[in-house]
Amino acid sequence: MAVPTMIDVSQFIVPGMSEIIQRTVEKRHTGGTYGGGAMEDLLATPAYVDVMIRAAVKAVDHRLPEGYITVGRSMEFTHEAPTGTGMSVSIKATVAEVNGNRVIFDIIASDEVGPIGSGKHERVIVNQGEWAKKVQERLKLVKNIAIK
């Protein structure tokens, strides 16, 4: 559903740009909150992926011209080691490739003990207004949802 951009994104986004997000794992980030009751004191995979996506967005969206945003297209990741409540997670998203309006990130994640996983994430740069119109057209088939 990505709307093609008419801008040369290479003037705004270049490989090597990165952002690190650090988060202390709280109960709301654990398996108990996400339905994995047996892992109630460990970082839940959905919360882990959320931070990966936030790091990618934070690395590039503020560099885009007004009216442009990125939207997620794909995510591939591993979650290889547990992180408990109270521990700090660091996730670094680095622009690996820019191809047209597509931005691909390499992501690495660690805690105080060491690496906990990695991933690749693709985001697409879109004009927010045009994208919202396309979304609205598609969603009106089901119900009228206002997209901001």
N, C-alpha and C. Protein backbone atom coordinates (compact mmCIF):
# COMPACT_ATOMS: atom_id res chain seq x y z
N MET A 1 0.82 -1.18 0.00
CA MET A 1 0.00 0.00 0.00
C MET A 1 0.86 1.25 0.00
N ALA A 2 2.15 1.11 -0.14
CA ALA A 2 3.04 2.26 -0.09
C ALA A 2 2.76 3.20 -1.26
N VAL A 3 2.74 4.47 -0.97
CA VAL A 3 2.55 5.50 -1.98
C VAL A 3 3.94 5.98 -2.41
N PRO A 4 4.25 5.94 -3.71
CA PRO A 4 5.57 6.37 -4.14
C PRO A 4 5.83 7.83 -3.80
N THR A 5 7.05 8.15 -3.46
CA THR A 5 7.40 9.54 -3.17
C THR A 5 7.95 10.16 -4.44
N MET A 6 7.92 11.46 -4.49
CA MET A 6 8.49 12.18 -5.62
C MET A 6 9.74 12.93 -5.20
N ILE A 7 10.33 12.53 -4.09
CA ILE A 7 11.52 13.20 -3.62
C ILE A 7 12.71 12.26 -3.73
N ASP A 8 13.88 12.85 -3.83
CA ASP A 8 15.10 12.07 -3.82
C ASP A 8 15.50 11.86 -2.36
N VAL A 9 15.17 10.69 -1.82
CA VAL A 9 15.40 10.48 -0.39
C VAL A 9 16.88 10.40 -0.04
N SER A 10 17.73 10.17 -1.02
CA SER A 10 19.16 10.06 -0.72
C SER A 10 19.75 11.38 -0.21
N GLN A 11 19.04 12.49 -0.41
CA GLN A 11 19.51 13.76 0.14
C GLN A 11 19.17 13.90 1.61
N PHE A 12 18.29 13.03 2.12
CA PHE A 12 17.87 13.10 3.52
C PHE A 12 18.34 11.91 4.34
N ILE A 13 18.36 10.74 3.70
CA ILE A 13 18.67 9.48 4.39
C ILE A 13 19.85 8.82 3.70
N VAL A 14 20.89 8.50 4.47
CA VAL A 14 22.06 7.83 3.88
C VAL A 14 22.47 6.65 4.77
N PRO A 15 23.05 5.62 4.15
CA PRO A 15 23.54 4.50 4.95
C PRO A 15 24.49 4.97 6.04
N GLY A 16 24.38 4.32 7.17
CA GLY A 16 25.22 4.65 8.31
C GLY A 16 24.50 5.46 9.38
N MET A 17 23.44 6.15 9.01
CA MET A 17 22.65 6.89 10.01
C MET A 17 22.10 5.87 11.00
N SER A 18 22.11 6.24 12.28
CA SER A 18 21.64 5.27 13.27
C SER A 18 21.02 5.96 14.47
N GLU A 19 20.35 5.17 15.25
CA GLU A 19 19.75 5.63 16.50
C GLU A 19 19.79 4.48 17.49
N ILE A 20 20.06 4.82 18.74
CA ILE A 20 20.04 3.83 19.82
C ILE A 20 18.93 4.20 20.79
N ILE A 21 18.14 3.24 21.14
CA ILE A 21 17.13 3.43 22.18
C ILE A 21 17.46 2.48 23.31
N GLN A 22 17.48 3.03 24.52
CA GLN A 22 17.68 2.22 25.71
C GLN A 22 16.39 2.22 26.52
N ARG A 23 16.05 1.07 27.03
CA ARG A 23 14.82 0.96 27.82
C ARG A 23 15.06 0.01 28.98
N THR A 24 14.61 0.42 30.15
CA THR A 24 14.63 -0.48 31.30
C THR A 24 13.38 -1.34 31.23
N VAL A 25 13.57 -2.64 31.31
CA VAL A 25 12.43 -3.57 31.21
C VAL A 25 11.57 -3.46 32.47
N GLU A 26 10.31 -3.13 32.25
CA GLU A 26 9.33 -3.04 33.33
C GLU A 26 8.30 -4.14 33.14
N LYS A 27 7.46 -4.34 34.14
CA LYS A 27 6.43 -5.38 34.07
C LYS A 27 5.58 -5.26 32.81
N ARG A 28 5.31 -4.02 32.38
CA ARG A 28 4.46 -3.82 31.19
C ARG A 28 5.12 -4.29 29.90
N HIS A 29 6.42 -4.57 29.94
CA HIS A 29 7.16 -5.05 28.77
C HIS A 29 7.33 -6.57 28.78
N THR A 30 6.75 -7.25 29.73
CA THR A 30 7.04 -8.68 29.94
C THR A 30 5.99 -9.61 29.33
N GLY A 31 6.37 -10.87 29.29
CA GLY A 31 5.49 -11.90 28.77
C GLY A 31 4.17 -11.99 29.51
N GLY A 32 4.17 -11.69 30.80
CA GLY A 32 2.93 -11.72 31.56
C GLY A 32 1.91 -10.75 31.02
N THR A 33 2.35 -9.60 30.56
CA THR A 33 1.46 -8.58 29.99
C THR A 33 0.96 -8.99 28.61
N TYR A 34 1.80 -9.68 27.86
CA TYR A 34 1.45 -10.05 26.49
C TYR A 34 0.84 -11.45 26.40
N GLY A 35 0.55 -12.08 27.51
CA GLY A 35 -0.11 -13.37 27.48
C GLY A 35 0.80 -14.57 27.62
N GLY A 36 2.10 -14.36 27.73
CA GLY A 36 3.04 -15.46 27.91
C GLY A 36 3.31 -15.65 29.39
N GLY A 37 2.32 -16.07 30.13
CA GLY A 37 2.38 -16.13 31.59
C GLY A 37 3.61 -16.81 32.17
N ALA A 38 4.14 -17.81 31.49
CA ALA A 38 5.31 -18.51 32.01
C ALA A 38 6.55 -17.62 32.00
N MET A 39 6.51 -16.55 31.24
CA MET A 39 7.65 -15.64 31.11
C MET A 39 7.33 -14.28 31.70
N GLU A 40 6.63 -14.26 32.82
CA GLU A 40 6.10 -13.01 33.35
C GLU A 40 7.15 -12.02 33.81
N ASP A 41 8.39 -12.42 33.99
CA ASP A 41 9.44 -11.49 34.41
C ASP A 41 10.50 -11.26 33.34
N LEU A 42 10.20 -11.66 32.11
CA LEU A 42 11.16 -11.51 31.01
C LEU A 42 10.61 -10.61 29.92
N LEU A 43 11.51 -9.91 29.24
CA LEU A 43 11.12 -9.06 28.12
C LEU A 43 10.36 -9.88 27.08
N ALA A 44 9.16 -9.45 26.76
CA ALA A 44 8.33 -10.13 25.76
C ALA A 44 8.81 -9.77 24.37
N THR A 45 8.73 -10.71 23.45
CA THR A 45 9.16 -10.47 22.09
C THR A 45 8.41 -9.31 21.44
N PRO A 46 7.08 -9.16 21.62
CA PRO A 46 6.42 -7.99 21.00
C PRO A 46 6.97 -6.65 21.52
N ALA A 47 7.32 -6.58 22.79
CA ALA A 47 7.89 -5.34 23.34
C ALA A 47 9.29 -5.11 22.77
N TYR A 48 10.04 -6.17 22.59
CA TYR A 48 11.38 -6.12 22.00
C TYR A 48 11.31 -5.59 20.56
N VAL A 49 10.38 -6.11 19.78
CA VAL A 49 10.22 -5.67 18.39
C VAL A 49 9.74 -4.22 18.35
N ASP A 50 8.88 -3.84 19.28
CA ASP A 50 8.41 -2.46 19.35
C ASP A 50 9.59 -1.49 19.47
N VAL A 51 10.55 -1.80 20.31
CA VAL A 51 11.70 -0.92 20.48
C VAL A 51 12.55 -0.90 19.21
N MET A 52 12.67 -2.04 18.53
CA MET A 52 13.40 -2.09 17.26
C MET A 52 12.78 -1.11 16.25
N ILE A 53 11.46 -1.18 16.13
CA ILE A 53 10.76 -0.31 15.18
C ILE A 53 10.91 1.15 15.59
N ARG A 54 10.77 1.45 16.87
CA ARG A 54 10.91 2.83 17.34
C ARG A 54 12.31 3.39 17.05
N ALA A 55 13.33 2.55 17.19
CA ALA A 55 14.70 3.01 16.90
C ALA A 55 14.85 3.36 15.42
N ALA A 56 14.26 2.54 14.54
CA ALA A 56 14.33 2.82 13.11
C ALA A 56 13.60 4.12 12.77
N VAL A 57 12.42 4.30 13.31
CA VAL A 57 11.65 5.52 13.07
C VAL A 57 12.43 6.74 13.57
N LYS A 58 12.96 6.61 14.76
CA LYS A 58 13.69 7.74 15.36
C LYS A 58 14.96 8.09 14.57
N ALA A 59 15.53 7.11 13.89
CA ALA A 59 16.76 7.35 13.11
C ALA A 59 16.51 8.20 11.88
N VAL A 60 15.31 8.11 11.29
CA VAL A 60 15.12 8.76 10.00
C VAL A 60 13.95 9.73 9.87
N ASP A 61 12.85 9.49 10.55
CA ASP A 61 11.65 10.29 10.26
C ASP A 61 11.86 11.79 10.44
N HIS A 62 12.61 12.20 11.43
CA HIS A 62 12.82 13.64 11.66
C HIS A 62 13.68 14.28 10.56
N ARG A 63 14.32 13.49 9.73
CA ARG A 63 15.17 14.00 8.66
C ARG A 63 14.40 14.24 7.37
N LEU A 64 13.16 13.76 7.32
CA LEU A 64 12.36 13.87 6.10
C LEU A 64 11.71 15.24 5.99
N PRO A 65 11.40 15.66 4.76
CA PRO A 65 10.70 16.93 4.60
C PRO A 65 9.32 16.86 5.25
N GLU A 66 8.79 18.02 5.58
CA GLU A 66 7.46 18.09 6.19
C GLU A 66 6.45 17.38 5.29
N GLY A 67 5.59 16.61 5.92
CA GLY A 67 4.55 15.90 5.18
C GLY A 67 4.93 14.48 4.78
N TYR A 68 6.17 14.08 5.06
CA TYR A 68 6.62 12.73 4.74
C TYR A 68 6.90 11.96 6.02
N ILE A 69 6.59 10.67 5.99
CA ILE A 69 6.83 9.78 7.11
C ILE A 69 7.31 8.44 6.57
N THR A 70 7.72 7.55 7.46
CA THR A 70 7.99 6.18 7.05
C THR A 70 6.91 5.28 7.63
N VAL A 71 6.62 4.22 6.89
CA VAL A 71 5.70 3.19 7.36
C VAL A 71 6.41 1.85 7.25
N GLY A 72 6.12 0.97 8.17
CA GLY A 72 6.78 -0.33 8.18
C GLY A 72 6.30 -1.21 7.04
N ARG A 73 7.24 -1.96 6.46
CA ARG A 73 6.91 -2.88 5.37
C ARG A 73 7.24 -4.33 5.74
N SER A 74 8.40 -4.54 6.37
CA SER A 74 8.76 -5.91 6.74
C SER A 74 9.69 -5.88 7.95
N MET A 75 9.71 -7.02 8.64
CA MET A 75 10.54 -7.17 9.84
C MET A 75 10.99 -8.61 9.91
N GLU A 76 12.27 -8.79 10.11
CA GLU A 76 12.85 -10.13 10.32
C GLU A 76 13.80 -9.99 11.50
N PHE A 77 13.65 -10.87 12.49
CA PHE A 77 14.46 -10.69 13.69
C PHE A 77 14.69 -12.02 14.40
N THR A 78 15.67 -11.99 15.30
CA THR A 78 15.88 -13.09 16.24
C THR A 78 15.83 -12.51 17.65
N HIS A 79 15.35 -13.30 18.56
CA HIS A 79 15.32 -12.94 19.99
C HIS A 79 15.96 -14.12 20.70
N GLU A 80 17.26 -14.02 20.92
CA GLU A 80 18.07 -15.17 21.29
C GLU A 80 18.39 -15.33 22.76
N ALA A 81 18.18 -14.30 23.56
CA ALA A 81 18.55 -14.39 24.97
C ALA A 81 17.54 -13.63 25.82
N PRO A 82 17.27 -14.13 27.02
CA PRO A 82 16.29 -13.47 27.89
C PRO A 82 16.87 -12.23 28.57
N THR A 83 15.97 -11.27 28.79
CA THR A 83 16.30 -10.06 29.55
C THR A 83 15.22 -9.90 30.61
N GLY A 84 15.62 -9.80 31.86
CA GLY A 84 14.67 -9.73 32.96
C GLY A 84 14.26 -8.32 33.32
N THR A 85 13.18 -8.23 34.09
CA THR A 85 12.72 -6.92 34.57
C THR A 85 13.84 -6.26 35.36
N GLY A 86 13.93 -4.95 35.18
CA GLY A 86 14.97 -4.17 35.84
C GLY A 86 16.24 -4.04 35.02
N MET A 87 16.42 -4.92 34.03
CA MET A 87 17.60 -4.84 33.17
C MET A 87 17.38 -3.77 32.10
N SER A 88 18.47 -3.29 31.52
CA SER A 88 18.41 -2.29 30.47
C SER A 88 18.68 -2.94 29.12
N VAL A 89 17.83 -2.62 28.15
CA VAL A 89 17.98 -3.11 26.79
C VAL A 89 18.43 -1.95 25.92
N SER A 90 19.42 -2.19 25.06
CA SER A 90 19.88 -1.19 24.09
C SER A 90 19.65 -1.75 22.70
N ILE A 91 18.97 -0.98 21.89
CA ILE A 91 18.70 -1.42 20.52
C ILE A 91 19.18 -0.33 19.57
N LYS A 92 20.01 -0.74 18.62
CA LYS A 92 20.57 0.20 17.65
C LYS A 92 20.06 -0.17 16.26
N ALA A 93 19.42 0.80 15.61
CA ALA A 93 18.96 0.65 14.23
C ALA A 93 19.85 1.51 13.35
N THR A 94 20.45 0.89 12.34
CA THR A 94 21.36 1.58 11.43
C THR A 94 20.86 1.44 10.00
N VAL A 95 20.79 2.56 9.27
CA VAL A 95 20.39 2.50 7.87
C VAL A 95 21.47 1.72 7.13
N ALA A 96 21.06 0.61 6.53
CA ALA A 96 21.98 -0.23 5.77
C ALA A 96 21.89 0.06 4.27
N GLU A 97 20.68 0.43 3.82
CA GLU A 97 20.47 0.61 2.39
C GLU A 97 19.31 1.57 2.16
N VAL A 98 19.45 2.41 1.14
CA VAL A 98 18.37 3.27 0.68
C VAL A 98 18.18 2.95 -0.79
N ASN A 99 16.95 2.57 -1.15
CA ASN A 99 16.66 2.18 -2.53
C ASN A 99 15.32 2.80 -2.92
N GLY A 100 15.38 3.92 -3.66
CA GLY A 100 14.14 4.63 -3.98
C GLY A 100 13.53 5.17 -2.70
N ASN A 101 12.29 4.77 -2.42
CA ASN A 101 11.65 5.23 -1.18
C ASN A 101 11.69 4.16 -0.10
N ARG A 102 12.53 3.14 -0.28
CA ARG A 102 12.68 2.07 0.71
C ARG A 102 13.96 2.29 1.53
N VAL A 103 13.83 2.09 2.84
CA VAL A 103 14.97 2.20 3.74
C VAL A 103 15.08 0.89 4.51
N ILE A 104 16.25 0.27 4.45
CA ILE A 104 16.46 -1.00 5.13
C ILE A 104 17.44 -0.78 6.27
N PHE A 105 17.06 -1.29 7.44
CA PHE A 105 17.85 -1.12 8.65
C PHE A 105 18.44 -2.45 9.11
N ASP A 106 19.67 -2.40 9.60
CA ASP A 106 20.25 -3.49 10.37
C ASP A 106 20.05 -3.11 11.83
N ILE A 107 19.60 -4.07 12.62
CA ILE A 107 19.30 -3.79 14.02
C ILE A 107 20.04 -4.78 14.91
N ILE A 108 20.66 -4.26 15.96
CA ILE A 108 21.31 -5.11 16.95
C ILE A 108 20.76 -4.76 18.32
N ALA A 109 20.66 -5.78 19.16
CA ALA A 109 20.08 -5.58 20.49
C ALA A 109 20.96 -6.26 21.53
N SER A 110 21.09 -5.60 22.69
CA SER A 110 21.88 -6.16 23.77
C SER A 110 21.33 -5.69 25.11
N ASP A 111 21.78 -6.37 26.16
CA ASP A 111 21.49 -5.92 27.52
C ASP A 111 22.81 -5.90 28.28
N GLU A 112 22.78 -5.78 29.59
CA GLU A 112 24.01 -5.69 30.37
C GLU A 112 24.89 -6.93 30.26
N VAL A 113 24.30 -8.05 29.93
CA VAL A 113 25.04 -9.31 29.86
C VAL A 113 25.69 -9.52 28.50
N GLY A 114 25.04 -9.00 27.43
CA GLY A 114 25.57 -9.17 26.08
C GLY A 114 24.48 -9.12 25.04
N PRO A 115 24.79 -9.62 23.82
CA PRO A 115 23.81 -9.59 22.73
C PRO A 115 22.56 -10.41 23.07
N ILE A 116 21.39 -9.88 22.64
CA ILE A 116 20.15 -10.64 22.83
C ILE A 116 19.44 -10.92 21.51
N GLY A 117 19.90 -10.30 20.43
CA GLY A 117 19.27 -10.57 19.14
C GLY A 117 19.64 -9.53 18.10
N SER A 118 19.03 -9.70 16.93
CA SER A 118 19.31 -8.80 15.82
C SER A 118 18.14 -8.87 14.83
N GLY A 119 18.21 -8.00 13.83
CA GLY A 119 17.14 -8.04 12.84
C GLY A 119 17.39 -7.14 11.65
N LYS A 120 16.47 -7.25 10.71
CA LYS A 120 16.41 -6.37 9.54
C LYS A 120 14.99 -5.82 9.50
N HIS A 121 14.89 -4.54 9.20
CA HIS A 121 13.58 -3.90 9.16
C HIS A 121 13.54 -3.00 7.94
N GLU A 122 12.44 -3.07 7.20
CA GLU A 122 12.28 -2.21 6.03
C GLU A 122 11.13 -1.24 6.27
N ARG A 123 11.40 0.02 5.97
CA ARG A 123 10.38 1.06 6.05
C ARG A 123 10.30 1.75 4.70
N VAL A 124 9.14 2.27 4.37
CA VAL A 124 8.90 2.94 3.10
C VAL A 124 8.53 4.39 3.39
N ILE A 125 9.15 5.30 2.65
CA ILE A 125 8.87 6.72 2.81
C ILE A 125 7.65 7.06 1.96
N VAL A 126 6.67 7.70 2.60
CA VAL A 126 5.43 8.07 1.91
C VAL A 126 5.05 9.50 2.25
N ASN A 127 4.27 10.10 1.36
CA ASN A 127 3.65 11.38 1.65
C ASN A 127 2.48 11.06 2.57
N GLN A 128 2.47 11.64 3.75
CA GLN A 128 1.48 11.28 4.76
C GLN A 128 0.05 11.54 4.29
N GLY A 129 -0.19 12.65 3.64
CA GLY A 129 -1.54 12.96 3.16
C GLY A 129 -2.02 12.00 2.10
N GLU A 130 -1.17 11.72 1.11
CA GLU A 130 -1.54 10.77 0.04
C GLU A 130 -1.76 9.38 0.61
N TRP A 131 -0.89 8.98 1.52
CA TRP A 131 -1.00 7.66 2.14
C TRP A 131 -2.30 7.55 2.93
N ALA A 132 -2.64 8.60 3.69
CA ALA A 132 -3.87 8.58 4.48
C ALA A 132 -5.09 8.44 3.58
N LYS A 133 -5.08 9.10 2.42
CA LYS A 133 -6.20 8.97 1.47
C LYS A 133 -6.32 7.53 0.97
N LYS A 134 -5.19 6.91 0.63
CA LYS A 134 -5.20 5.52 0.16
C LYS A 134 -5.72 4.58 1.26
N VAL A 135 -5.26 4.83 2.47
CA VAL A 135 -5.71 4.00 3.60
C VAL A 135 -7.22 4.16 3.78
N GLN A 136 -7.69 5.40 3.75
CA GLN A 136 -9.11 5.67 3.94
C GLN A 136 -9.94 4.99 2.85
N GLU A 137 -9.47 5.03 1.60
CA GLU A 137 -10.18 4.36 0.50
C GLU A 137 -10.32 2.87 0.77
N ARG A 138 -9.25 2.26 1.23
CA ARG A 138 -9.27 0.83 1.49
C ARG A 138 -10.17 0.50 2.68
N LEU A 139 -10.06 1.27 3.74
CA LEU A 139 -10.80 0.96 4.96
C LEU A 139 -12.29 1.28 4.85
N LYS A 140 -12.68 2.16 3.95
CA LYS A 140 -14.11 2.48 3.84
C LYS A 140 -14.90 1.27 3.35
N LEU A 141 -14.23 0.28 2.79
CA LEU A 141 -14.91 -0.95 2.40
C LEU A 141 -15.43 -1.70 3.63
N VAL A 142 -14.80 -1.46 4.77
CA VAL A 142 -15.21 -2.13 6.00
C VAL A 142 -16.00 -1.17 6.87
N LYS A 143 -15.43 -0.03 7.15
CA LYS A 143 -16.10 1.01 7.94
C LYS A 143 -15.31 2.29 7.78
N ASN A 144 -15.88 3.38 8.19
CA ASN A 144 -15.22 4.67 8.07
C ASN A 144 -14.33 4.91 9.27
N ILE A 145 -13.02 4.86 9.06
CA ILE A 145 -12.04 5.09 10.13
C ILE A 145 -11.26 6.34 9.77
N ALA A 146 -11.25 7.29 10.64
CA ALA A 146 -10.51 8.54 10.39
C ALA A 146 -9.03 8.31 10.65
N ILE A 147 -8.20 8.60 9.66
CA ILE A 147 -6.75 8.48 9.76
C ILE A 147 -6.18 9.89 9.90
N LYS A 148 -5.37 10.06 10.92
CA LYS A 148 -4.76 11.38 11.16
C LYS A 148 -3.36 11.43 10.63
